[in-house]
Amino acid sequence: MRAIPVIVAAIALLAALLGWLLYEQLRPPQGMGLSETGPSVDSAARIEIERLRQQIETMQERDSELRERLGTLENDLRELREEGRAGNGGAMGRAGGHPPLGPDAEPRGPNTIRDAYAEVVLIADRRNVNKGLTVAGPRFLEEFLGRPRETLSDRCEPMTNPELRERLVLETVGPIRVHMLQPAVDSLRRVFENVRRADPDLHDRIASSGSLCVRRIRGTQARTSTHAFGLAVDLNLDGTLDLFADGRTQMGLTILADFFHEEGWVWGAGFGREDSMHFEVSRQQLERWREDGRI
C-alpha cells in the first residue's frame, strides 16, 4: 500500500504541471492583446497536454484500484477474525468455508491474507483509536507507583525503586519474552491467547521490540517513559519495525490494536507523534487493578 500516497502525490504534481502548461500556452504575449480569433496553442503543446491528461487518468484509475483492494483485504481480515472468535476453527483455517489445513497438507498457493499483514497502510481515524481509554501520563504513574529511578537519561538503565522492582517478572508470553509488572504480563497473556485463537497466523508473526526500559521520554528532560514502569511493550511483525511518526502502520498491527483495546491497553498510533508499534496499559486498567488489589 506504499504506492497509494506516491500515486496521489504524482497525480497532484501532474495536475499542477498540466495547469501551468495550459496557462502558459493560453496567456497572450506580454504587451499584446488577444486576437479576434482568441489565443492559439501550438501542436506540440497540445500533444504534451494530452499525454499529461492521459497519465493523470491512468494514475487515478490505479489509485482507485489500490484503495478498493485495501478495503477488500481489511473486510476479509475483520470477517475472518470474527469467525475465529465464534469458534469456527480459527480465522485463517476457515476462510471461504474450507476446512483448516492439516499438518501434512500442501499449501493451496499464495496466501494473500497472510501476506497482507505486512502491508503498510494509513491509520484510519488515528486520533480516535483509543476511544474510551486514557493514557497514564508520567505524573500519574509516579504518584501511583513511585519513581522507578531518581535520574533518567535517554538510555535504558537499571530500576532503583526496590518496591517497584520486586513486582517485575521476566516471562515468555505467547510468541515473545517480556520484562514487565506481573499484572501487565497476565493481561498481555490474555491478549495473545485471544489473538492465537482468532488468528493463529498473525499470532505466529508477532515479535518484540522491547518492554522494560527505564529512561525518560526521548526529546524531553524529565518525563518518565511508560516503559520505565514495566507497563508498555513494542511489537513488530517478522522483525520489521514500524516507521516512527509517519502516520502509517502494518495492517497486522491494526488488527492487534483491537485485541489490546478490549484488554484496556492504549495504542501508540493515537499519540501526537504516532508510534504504532507501542502498546501500554491505560489509566483505567491500572485503577481497576488497584481496586482489585493486584497492584
C-alpha atoms as a PDB file:
ATOM      1  CA  MET A   1       0.000   0.000   0.000  1.00  0.00           C
ATOM      2  CA  ARG A   2       3.020   2.307  -0.066  1.00  0.00           C
ATOM      3  CA  ALA A   3       2.078   3.032  -3.724  1.00  0.00           C
ATOM      4  CA  ILE A   4      -1.111   4.924  -2.798  1.00  0.00           C
ATOM      5  CA  PRO A   5       0.483   8.099  -1.393  1.00  0.00           C
ATOM      6  CA  VAL A   6       3.082   8.083  -4.182  1.00  0.00           C
ATOM      7  CA  ILE A   7       0.333   7.911  -6.805  1.00  0.00           C
ATOM      8  CA  VAL A   8      -1.688  10.646  -5.100  1.00  0.00           C
ATOM      9  CA  ALA A   9       1.376  12.913  -4.955  1.00  0.00           C
ATOM     10  CA  ALA A  10       2.177  12.193  -8.588  1.00  0.00           C
ATOM     11  CA  ILE A  11      -1.394  12.999  -9.628  1.00  0.00           C
ATOM     12  CA  ALA A  12      -1.222  16.336  -7.793  1.00  0.00           C
ATOM     13  CA  LEU A  13       2.143  17.163  -9.387  1.00  0.00           C
ATOM     14  CA  LEU A  14       0.972  16.269 -12.871  1.00  0.00           C
ATOM     15  CA  ALA A  15      -2.245  18.244 -12.383  1.00  0.00           C
ATOM     16  CA  ALA A  16      -0.233  21.293 -11.337  1.00  0.00           C
ATOM     17  CA  LEU A  17       2.068  20.892 -14.333  1.00  0.00           C
ATOM     18  CA  LEU A  18      -0.901  20.497 -16.664  1.00  0.00           C
ATOM     19  CA  GLY A  19      -2.447  23.673 -15.270  1.00  0.00           C
ATOM     20  CA  TRP A  20       0.802  25.596 -15.717  1.00  0.00           C
ATOM     21  CA  LEU A  21       1.208  24.433 -19.316  1.00  0.00           C
ATOM     22  CA  LEU A  22      -2.346  25.450 -20.139  1.00  0.00           C
ATOM     23  CA  TYR A  23      -1.801  28.854 -18.544  1.00  0.00           C
ATOM     24  CA  GLU A  24       1.462  29.460 -20.384  1.00  0.00           C
ATOM     25  CA  GLN A  25       0.003  28.423 -23.721  1.00  0.00           C
ATOM     26  CA  LEU A  26      -3.218  30.371 -23.324  1.00  0.00           C
ATOM     27  CA  ARG A  27      -1.622  33.550 -21.890  1.00  0.00           C
ATOM     28  CA  PRO A  28      -1.062  36.135 -24.607  1.00  0.00           C
ATOM     29  CA  PRO A  29       2.461  37.502 -25.119  1.00  0.00           C
ATOM     30  CA  GLN A  30       3.372  40.447 -22.919  1.00  0.00           C
ATOM     31  CA  GLY A  31       2.218  43.752 -24.329  1.00  0.00           C
ATOM     32  CA  MET A  32      -0.167  42.169 -26.852  1.00  0.00           C
ATOM     33  CA  GLY A  33      -3.891  41.747 -26.643  1.00  0.00           C
ATOM     34  CA  LEU A  34      -5.899  38.724 -27.699  1.00  0.00           C
ATOM     35  CA  SER A  35      -6.558  38.317 -31.381  1.00  0.00           C
ATOM     36  CA  GLU A  36     -10.106  38.286 -32.682  1.00  0.00           C
ATOM     37  CA  THR A  37      -9.942  34.526 -33.016  1.00  0.00           C
ATOM     38  CA  GLY A  38      -8.576  34.055 -29.474  1.00  0.00           C
ATOM     39  CA  PRO A  39      -5.299  32.610 -28.244  1.00  0.00           C
ATOM     40  CA  SER A  40      -3.725  29.695 -30.082  1.00  0.00           C
ATOM     41  CA  VAL A  41      -1.952  26.604 -28.750  1.00  0.00           C
ATOM     42  CA  ASP A  42       0.769  25.010 -30.868  1.00  0.00           C
ATOM     43  CA  SER A  43       0.594  21.326 -31.821  1.00  0.00           C
ATOM     44  CA  ALA A  44       3.485  20.230 -29.639  1.00  0.00           C
ATOM     45  CA  ALA A  45       1.840  21.775 -26.573  1.00  0.00           C
ATOM     46  CA  ARG A  46      -1.485  20.103 -27.433  1.00  0.00           C
ATOM     47  CA  ILE A  47       0.220  16.706 -27.640  1.00  0.00           C
ATOM     48  CA  GLU A  48       2.062  17.251 -24.379  1.00  0.00           C
ATOM     49  CA  ILE A  49      -1.102  18.357 -22.603  1.00  0.00           C
ATOM     50  CA  GLU A  50      -2.992  15.298 -23.851  1.00  0.00           C
ATOM     51  CA  ARG A  51      -0.209  12.989 -22.706  1.00  0.00           C
ATOM     52  CA  LEU A  52      -0.264  14.554 -19.262  1.00  0.00           C
ATOM     53  CA  ARG A  53      -4.047  14.230 -19.116  1.00  0.00           C
ATOM     54  CA  GLN A  54      -3.840  10.543 -20.006  1.00  0.00           C
ATOM     55  CA  GLN A  55      -1.167   9.944 -17.354  1.00  0.00           C
ATOM     56  CA  ILE A  56      -3.334  11.606 -14.726  1.00  0.00           C
ATOM     57  CA  GLU A  57      -6.368   9.499 -15.694  1.00  0.00           C
ATOM     58  CA  THR A  58      -4.284   6.302 -15.604  1.00  0.00           C
ATOM     59  CA  MET A  59      -2.913   7.151 -12.160  1.00  0.00           C
ATOM     60  CA  GLN A  60      -6.379   7.977 -10.855  1.00  0.00           C
ATOM     61  CA  GLU A  61      -7.656   4.587 -12.033  1.00  0.00           C
ATOM     62  CA  ARG A  62      -4.681   2.836 -10.392  1.00  0.00           C
ATOM     63  CA  ASP A  63      -5.257   4.759  -7.156  1.00  0.00           C
ATOM     64  CA  SER A  64      -8.916   3.679  -7.100  1.00  0.00           C
ATOM     65  CA  GLU A  65      -7.961   0.051  -7.699  1.00  0.00           C
ATOM     66  CA  LEU A  66      -5.427   0.079  -4.849  1.00  0.00           C
ATOM     67  CA  ARG A  67      -7.885   1.672  -2.428  1.00  0.00           C
ATOM     68  CA  GLU A  68     -10.558  -0.877  -3.365  1.00  0.00           C
ATOM     69  CA  ARG A  69      -8.096  -3.741  -2.841  1.00  0.00           C
ATOM     70  CA  LEU A  70      -7.117  -2.379   0.575  1.00  0.00           C
ATOM     71  CA  GLY A  71     -10.767  -2.106   1.612  1.00  0.00           C
ATOM     72  CA  THR A  72     -11.417  -5.683   0.499  1.00  0.00           C
ATOM     73  CA  LEU A  73      -8.433  -7.017   2.450  1.00  0.00           C
ATOM     74  CA  GLU A  74      -9.460  -5.150   5.601  1.00  0.00           C
ATOM     75  CA  ASN A  75     -13.024  -6.514   5.356  1.00  0.00           C
ATOM     76  CA  ASP A  76     -11.745 -10.056   4.784  1.00  0.00           C
ATOM     77  CA  LEU A  77      -9.456  -9.857   7.804  1.00  0.00           C
ATOM     78  CA  ARG A  78     -12.243  -8.486  10.002  1.00  0.00           C
ATOM     79  CA  GLU A  79     -14.676 -11.224   8.945  1.00  0.00           C
ATOM     80  CA  LEU A  80     -12.080 -13.973   9.416  1.00  0.00           C
ATOM     81  CA  ARG A  81     -11.190 -12.719  12.880  1.00  0.00           C
ATOM     82  CA  GLU A  82     -14.846 -12.630  13.952  1.00  0.00           C
ATOM     83  CA  GLU A  83     -15.378 -16.099  12.525  1.00  0.00           C
ATOM     84  CA  GLY A  84     -12.458 -17.384  14.583  1.00  0.00           C
ATOM     85  CA  ARG A  85     -13.836 -15.819  17.748  1.00  0.00           C
ATOM     86  CA  ALA A  86     -17.146 -17.574  17.156  1.00  0.00           C
ATOM     87  CA  GLY A  87     -15.334 -20.884  17.438  1.00  0.00           C
ATOM     88  CA  ASN A  88     -15.397 -21.905  13.807  1.00  0.00           C
ATOM     89  CA  GLY A  89     -11.907 -23.352  13.746  1.00  0.00           C
ATOM     90  CA  GLY A  90      -9.749 -20.231  13.555  1.00  0.00           C
ATOM     91  CA  ALA A  91      -9.829 -17.172  11.338  1.00  0.00           C
ATOM     92  CA  MET A  92      -7.319 -18.378   8.781  1.00  0.00           C
ATOM     93  CA  GLY A  93      -8.347 -22.034   8.700  1.00  0.00           C
ATOM     94  CA  ARG A  94     -11.997 -21.327   7.823  1.00  0.00           C
ATOM     95  CA  ALA A  95     -11.533 -18.789   5.055  1.00  0.00           C
ATOM     96  CA  GLY A  96     -14.007 -19.279   2.230  1.00  0.00           C
ATOM     97  CA  GLY A  97     -15.759 -22.154   4.034  1.00  0.00           C
ATOM     98  CA  HIS A  98     -12.852 -24.581   3.556  1.00  0.00           C
ATOM     99  CA  PRO A  99     -11.785 -26.830   6.440  1.00  0.00           C
ATOM    100  CA  PRO A 100      -8.472 -25.955   8.110  1.00  0.00           C
ATOM    101  CA  LEU A 101      -5.346 -27.441   6.589  1.00  0.00           C
ATOM    102  CA  GLY A 102      -3.917 -30.424   8.415  1.00  0.00           C
ATOM    103  CA  PRO A 103      -0.254 -30.540   9.455  1.00  0.00           C
ATOM    104  CA  ASP A 104       0.672 -32.598   6.373  1.00  0.00           C
ATOM    105  CA  ALA A 105      -1.489 -30.764   3.874  1.00  0.00           C
ATOM    106  CA  GLU A 106       0.108 -28.966   0.958  1.00  0.00           C
ATOM    107  CA  PRO A 107      -0.451 -25.202   0.764  1.00  0.00           C
ATOM    108  CA  ARG A 108      -3.022 -24.166  -1.831  1.00  0.00           C
ATOM    109  CA  GLY A 109      -0.884 -21.375  -3.245  1.00  0.00           C
ATOM    110  CA  PRO A 110      -0.052 -17.783  -2.262  1.00  0.00           C
ATOM    111  CA  ASN A 111      -1.840 -16.743   0.916  1.00  0.00           C
ATOM    112  CA  THR A 112      -2.942 -13.191   0.139  1.00  0.00           C
ATOM    113  CA  ILE A 113      -4.498 -12.739   3.573  1.00  0.00           C
ATOM    114  CA  ARG A 114      -1.350 -13.840   5.384  1.00  0.00           C
ATOM    115  CA  ASP A 115       0.826 -11.647   3.172  1.00  0.00           C
ATOM    116  CA  ALA A 116      -1.463  -8.693   3.840  1.00  0.00           C
ATOM    117  CA  TYR A 117      -0.307  -8.499   7.475  1.00  0.00           C
ATOM    118  CA  ALA A 118       2.901  -6.797   6.366  1.00  0.00           C
ATOM    119  CA  GLU A 119       1.129  -4.283   4.105  1.00  0.00           C
ATOM    120  CA  VAL A 120       1.802  -0.697   5.198  1.00  0.00           C
ATOM    121  CA  VAL A 121      -1.452   1.247   5.426  1.00  0.00           C
ATOM    122  CA  LEU A 122      -2.701   4.618   6.609  1.00  0.00           C
ATOM    123  CA  ILE A 123      -4.101   4.614  10.153  1.00  0.00           C
ATOM    124  CA  ALA A 124      -7.797   5.404   9.775  1.00  0.00           C
ATOM    125  CA  ASP A 125      -9.235   7.935  12.249  1.00  0.00           C
ATOM    126  CA  ARG A 126      -5.932   7.875  14.110  1.00  0.00           C
ATOM    127  CA  ARG A 127      -6.927  10.286  16.862  1.00  0.00           C
ATOM    128  CA  ASN A 128      -9.853   8.100  17.957  1.00  0.00           C
ATOM    129  CA  VAL A 129      -8.232   4.660  18.049  1.00  0.00           C
ATOM    130  CA  ASN A 130      -8.101   4.759  21.875  1.00  0.00           C
ATOM    131  CA  LYS A 131     -11.686   5.905  22.387  1.00  0.00           C
ATOM    132  CA  GLY A 132     -12.774   5.343  25.977  1.00  0.00           C
ATOM    133  CA  LEU A 133      -9.218   4.918  27.280  1.00  0.00           C
ATOM    134  CA  THR A 134      -6.850   7.444  28.844  1.00  0.00           C
ATOM    135  CA  VAL A 135      -3.070   7.492  28.780  1.00  0.00           C
ATOM    136  CA  ALA A 136      -1.494   7.135  32.222  1.00  0.00           C
ATOM    137  CA  GLY A 137       0.949  10.034  31.984  1.00  0.00           C
ATOM    138  CA  PRO A 138       4.305  10.325  33.786  1.00  0.00           C
ATOM    139  CA  ARG A 139       2.946  12.405  36.680  1.00  0.00           C
ATOM    140  CA  PHE A 140       0.081   9.971  37.332  1.00  0.00           C
ATOM    141  CA  LEU A 141       2.376   6.936  37.143  1.00  0.00           C
ATOM    142  CA  GLU A 142       4.924   8.390  39.556  1.00  0.00           C
ATOM    143  CA  GLU A 143       2.194   9.226  42.068  1.00  0.00           C
ATOM    144  CA  PHE A 144       0.556   5.838  41.525  1.00  0.00           C
ATOM    145  CA  LEU A 145       3.646   3.605  41.623  1.00  0.00           C
ATOM    146  CA  GLY A 146       6.596   5.787  42.639  1.00  0.00           C
ATOM    147  CA  ARG A 147       9.517   6.953  40.540  1.00  0.00           C
ATOM    148  CA  PRO A 148      11.355   3.955  39.033  1.00  0.00           C
ATOM    149  CA  ARG A 149      14.722   5.729  39.108  1.00  0.00           C
ATOM    150  CA  GLU A 150      15.845   9.089  40.516  1.00  0.00           C
ATOM    151  CA  THR A 151      17.862  10.211  37.496  1.00  0.00           C
ATOM    152  CA  LEU A 152      16.851   9.410  33.929  1.00  0.00           C
ATOM    153  CA  SER A 153      18.605   9.606  30.579  1.00  0.00           C
ATOM    154  CA  ASP A 154      17.821   8.510  27.037  1.00  0.00           C
ATOM    155  CA  ARG A 155      19.492   5.152  27.759  1.00  0.00           C
ATOM    156  CA  CYS A 156      17.859   2.117  29.349  1.00  0.00           C
ATOM    157  CA  GLU A 157      19.221   1.872  32.895  1.00  0.00           C
ATOM    158  CA  PRO A 158      18.505  -0.359  35.939  1.00  0.00           C
ATOM    159  CA  MET A 159      15.414   0.282  38.044  1.00  0.00           C
ATOM    160  CA  THR A 160      16.431   1.553  41.517  1.00  0.00           C
ATOM    161  CA  ASN A 161      12.984   1.667  43.181  1.00  0.00           C
ATOM    162  CA  PRO A 162      13.082  -1.542  45.309  1.00  0.00           C
ATOM    163  CA  GLU A 163       9.313  -1.893  45.806  1.00  0.00           C
ATOM    164  CA  LEU A 164       8.575  -1.480  42.114  1.00  0.00           C
ATOM    165  CA  ARG A 165      11.475  -3.719  41.126  1.00  0.00           C
ATOM    166  CA  GLU A 166      10.094  -6.592  43.234  1.00  0.00           C
ATOM    167  CA  ARG A 167       6.889  -6.559  41.199  1.00  0.00           C
ATOM    168  CA  LEU A 168       8.731  -7.151  37.915  1.00  0.00           C
ATOM    169  CA  VAL A 169       8.751 -10.579  36.247  1.00  0.00           C
ATOM    170  CA  LEU A 170      10.635 -11.909  33.243  1.00  0.00           C
ATOM    171  CA  GLU A 171       8.445 -14.389  31.370  1.00  0.00           C
ATOM    172  CA  THR A 172       7.647 -15.799  27.946  1.00  0.00           C
ATOM    173  CA  VAL A 173       4.182 -14.635  26.949  1.00  0.00           C
ATOM    174  CA  GLY A 174       2.713 -16.025  23.753  1.00  0.00           C
ATOM    175  CA  PRO A 175       5.303 -15.557  20.994  1.00  0.00           C
ATOM    176  CA  ILE A 176       7.596 -13.127  22.897  1.00  0.00           C
ATOM    177  CA  ARG A 177       9.560 -12.709  26.140  1.00  0.00           C
ATOM    178  CA  VAL A 178       8.887  -9.646  28.282  1.00  0.00           C
ATOM    179  CA  HIS A 179      10.136  -7.979  31.471  1.00  0.00           C
ATOM    180  CA  MET A 180       7.151  -6.186  32.998  1.00  0.00           C
ATOM    181  CA  LEU A 181       4.955  -5.825  36.092  1.00  0.00           C
ATOM    182  CA  GLN A 182       3.083  -9.031  36.873  1.00  0.00           C
ATOM    183  CA  PRO A 183      -0.460  -7.712  36.198  1.00  0.00           C
ATOM    184  CA  ALA A 184       0.682  -6.361  32.837  1.00  0.00           C
ATOM    185  CA  VAL A 185       2.190  -9.742  31.935  1.00  0.00           C
ATOM    186  CA  ASP A 186      -1.048 -11.524  32.904  1.00  0.00           C
ATOM    187  CA  SER A 187      -3.035  -9.078  30.794  1.00  0.00           C
ATOM    188  CA  LEU A 188      -0.669  -9.428  27.838  1.00  0.00           C
ATOM    189  CA  ARG A 189      -1.015 -13.203  28.049  1.00  0.00           C
ATOM    190  CA  ARG A 190      -4.792 -12.867  27.667  1.00  0.00           C
ATOM    191  CA  VAL A 191      -4.333 -10.601  24.653  1.00  0.00           C
ATOM    192  CA  PHE A 192      -2.047 -13.059  22.872  1.00  0.00           C
ATOM    193  CA  GLU A 193      -4.243 -16.035  23.719  1.00  0.00           C
ATOM    194  CA  ASN A 194      -7.227 -14.276  22.163  1.00  0.00           C
ATOM    195  CA  VAL A 195      -5.132 -13.465  19.083  1.00  0.00           C
ATOM    196  CA  ARG A 196      -3.945 -17.083  18.852  1.00  0.00           C
ATOM    197  CA  ARG A 197      -7.484 -18.430  18.957  1.00  0.00           C
ATOM    198  CA  ALA A 198      -8.838 -15.964  16.416  1.00  0.00           C
ATOM    199  CA  ASP A 199      -5.852 -15.585  14.092  1.00  0.00           C
ATOM    200  CA  PRO A 200      -3.011 -18.088  14.617  1.00  0.00           C
ATOM    201  CA  ASP A 201      -1.101 -16.920  11.533  1.00  0.00           C
ATOM    202  CA  LEU A 202      -0.909 -13.380  12.878  1.00  0.00           C
ATOM    203  CA  HIS A 203      -0.003 -14.658  16.354  1.00  0.00           C
ATOM    204  CA  ASP A 204       2.997 -16.535  14.992  1.00  0.00           C
ATOM    205  CA  ARG A 205       4.361 -13.444  13.238  1.00  0.00           C
ATOM    206  CA  ILE A 206       4.444 -11.230  16.344  1.00  0.00           C
ATOM    207  CA  ALA A 207       7.902 -10.243  17.605  1.00  0.00           C
ATOM    208  CA  SER A 208       9.061  -7.912  20.382  1.00  0.00           C
ATOM    209  CA  SER A 209      10.991  -4.672  20.033  1.00  0.00           C
ATOM    210  CA  GLY A 210      11.366  -4.289  23.802  1.00  0.00           C
ATOM    211  CA  SER A 211       9.403  -3.920  27.043  1.00  0.00           C
ATOM    212  CA  LEU A 212      11.122  -2.682  30.239  1.00  0.00           C
ATOM    213  CA  CYS A 213      13.397   0.299  29.627  1.00  0.00           C
ATOM    214  CA  VAL A 214      13.998   2.738  32.499  1.00  0.00           C
ATOM    215  CA  ARG A 215      14.546   6.032  30.665  1.00  0.00           C
ATOM    216  CA  ARG A 216      12.894   9.367  30.017  1.00  0.00           C
ATOM    217  CA  ILE A 217      10.665  10.011  27.028  1.00  0.00           C
ATOM    218  CA  ARG A 218      13.005  10.878  24.192  1.00  0.00           C
ATOM    219  CA  GLY A 219      13.003  14.566  23.414  1.00  0.00           C
ATOM    220  CA  THR A 220      12.127  15.563  26.998  1.00  0.00           C
ATOM    221  CA  GLN A 221      14.273  16.436  30.005  1.00  0.00           C
ATOM    222  CA  ALA A 222      12.499  14.598  32.817  1.00  0.00           C
ATOM    223  CA  ARG A 223       9.267  12.933  31.654  1.00  0.00           C
ATOM    224  CA  THR A 224       9.388   9.247  32.568  1.00  0.00           C
ATOM    225  CA  SER A 225       8.574   6.749  29.819  1.00  0.00           C
ATOM    226  CA  THR A 226       5.818   4.200  30.450  1.00  0.00           C
ATOM    227  CA  HIS A 227       8.415   1.563  29.531  1.00  0.00           C
ATOM    228  CA  ALA A 228      10.287   2.566  32.713  1.00  0.00           C
ATOM    229  CA  PHE A 229       7.428   1.174  34.854  1.00  0.00           C
ATOM    230  CA  GLY A 230       7.164  -2.162  33.059  1.00  0.00           C
ATOM    231  CA  LEU A 231       3.768  -1.231  31.629  1.00  0.00           C
ATOM    232  CA  ALA A 232       4.497  -0.983  27.899  1.00  0.00           C
ATOM    233  CA  VAL A 233       5.682  -3.193  25.066  1.00  0.00           C
ATOM    234  CA  ASP A 234       6.786  -2.502  21.490  1.00  0.00           C
ATOM    235  CA  LEU A 235       5.784  -5.061  18.858  1.00  0.00           C
ATOM    236  CA  ASN A 236       6.617  -5.728  15.227  1.00  0.00           C
ATOM    237  CA  LEU A 237       5.772  -8.317  12.596  1.00  0.00           C
ATOM    238  CA  ASP A 238       8.517 -10.651  11.365  1.00  0.00           C
ATOM    239  CA  GLY A 239      11.182  -8.311  12.754  1.00  0.00           C
ATOM    240  CA  THR A 240      10.181  -5.405  10.504  1.00  0.00           C
ATOM    241  CA  LEU A 241       9.937  -2.217  12.572  1.00  0.00           C
ATOM    242  CA  ASP A 242       7.198   0.331  12.033  1.00  0.00           C
ATOM    243  CA  LEU A 243       8.473   3.756  10.961  1.00  0.00           C
ATOM    244  CA  PHE A 244       8.013   6.321  13.715  1.00  0.00           C
ATOM    245  CA  ALA A 245       5.617   9.271  13.265  1.00  0.00           C
ATOM    246  CA  ASP A 246       4.744   8.665   9.603  1.00  0.00           C
ATOM    247  CA  GLY A 247       1.003   8.143  10.147  1.00  0.00           C
ATOM    248  CA  ARG A 248       1.197   4.612   8.746  1.00  0.00           C
ATOM    249  CA  THR A 249       1.471   1.123  10.160  1.00  0.00           C
ATOM    250  CA  GLN A 250       1.447  -2.536   9.211  1.00  0.00           C
ATOM    251  CA  MET A 251      -2.043  -3.923   8.751  1.00  0.00           C
ATOM    252  CA  GLY A 252      -1.279  -6.669  11.272  1.00  0.00           C
ATOM    253  CA  LEU A 253      -0.724  -4.053  13.984  1.00  0.00           C
ATOM    254  CA  THR A 254      -4.122  -2.505  13.297  1.00  0.00           C
ATOM    255  CA  ILE A 255      -5.675  -5.920  13.954  1.00  0.00           C
ATOM    256  CA  LEU A 256      -3.666  -6.410  17.154  1.00  0.00           C
ATOM    257  CA  ALA A 257      -4.835  -2.985  18.345  1.00  0.00           C
ATOM    258  CA  ASP A 258      -8.422  -4.244  18.603  1.00  0.00           C
ATOM    259  CA  PHE A 259      -7.388  -7.053  20.945  1.00  0.00           C
ATOM    260  CA  PHE A 260      -5.312  -4.691  23.100  1.00  0.00           C
ATOM    261  CA  HIS A 261      -8.154  -2.169  23.300  1.00  0.00           C
ATOM    262  CA  GLU A 262     -10.509  -4.859  24.605  1.00  0.00           C
ATOM    263  CA  GLU A 263      -7.994  -5.575  27.388  1.00  0.00           C
ATOM    264  CA  GLY A 264      -7.640  -1.887  28.312  1.00  0.00           C
ATOM    265  CA  TRP A 265      -4.356  -1.040  26.592  1.00  0.00           C
ATOM    266  CA  VAL A 266      -3.606   2.189  24.747  1.00  0.00           C
ATOM    267  CA  TRP A 267      -2.211   2.061  21.189  1.00  0.00           C
ATOM    268  CA  GLY A 268       0.622   4.472  20.344  1.00  0.00           C
ATOM    269  CA  ALA A 269      -0.916   5.145  16.926  1.00  0.00           C
ATOM    270  CA  GLY A 270      -3.140   7.704  18.630  1.00  0.00           C
ATOM    271  CA  PHE A 271      -0.257   9.717  20.140  1.00  0.00           C
ATOM    272  CA  GLY A 272       0.610  13.193  18.902  1.00  0.00           C
ATOM    273  CA  ARG A 273       3.755  11.648  17.440  1.00  0.00           C
ATOM    274  CA  GLU A 274       2.385   8.400  16.051  1.00  0.00           C
ATOM    275  CA  ASP A 275       4.151   5.302  17.435  1.00  0.00           C
ATOM    276  CA  SER A 276       2.054   2.375  16.241  1.00  0.00           C
ATOM    277  CA  MET A 277       4.376  -0.409  17.425  1.00  0.00           C
ATOM    278  CA  HIS A 278       3.838   0.812  21.025  1.00  0.00           C
ATOM    279  CA  PHE A 279       1.150  -0.565  23.384  1.00  0.00           C
ATOM    280  CA  GLU A 280       0.760   0.455  27.027  1.00  0.00           C
ATOM    281  CA  VAL A 281      -1.630  -0.152  29.933  1.00  0.00           C
ATOM    282  CA  SER A 282      -4.299   2.558  30.238  1.00  0.00           C
ATOM    283  CA  ARG A 283      -5.032   4.597  33.335  1.00  0.00           C
ATOM    284  CA  GLN A 284      -8.458   2.963  33.633  1.00  0.00           C
ATOM    285  CA  GLN A 285      -6.924  -0.511  33.699  1.00  0.00           C
ATOM    286  CA  LEU A 286      -4.361   0.481  36.321  1.00  0.00           C
ATOM    287  CA  GLU A 287      -7.086   1.874  38.557  1.00  0.00           C
ATOM    288  CA  ARG A 288      -9.087  -1.366  38.204  1.00  0.00           C
ATOM    289  CA  TRP A 289      -6.025  -3.372  39.181  1.00  0.00           C
ATOM    290  CA  ARG A 290      -5.546  -1.160  42.237  1.00  0.00           C
ATOM    291  CA  GLU A 291      -9.189  -1.708  43.245  1.00  0.00           C
ATOM    292  CA  ASP A 292      -8.685  -5.473  42.849  1.00  0.00           C
ATOM    293  CA  GLY A 293      -5.518  -5.378  44.963  1.00  0.00           C
ATOM    294  CA  ARG A 294      -3.360  -6.555  42.071  1.00  0.00           C
ATOM    295  CA  ILE A 295      -1.017  -3.603  42.034  1.00  0.00           C
END
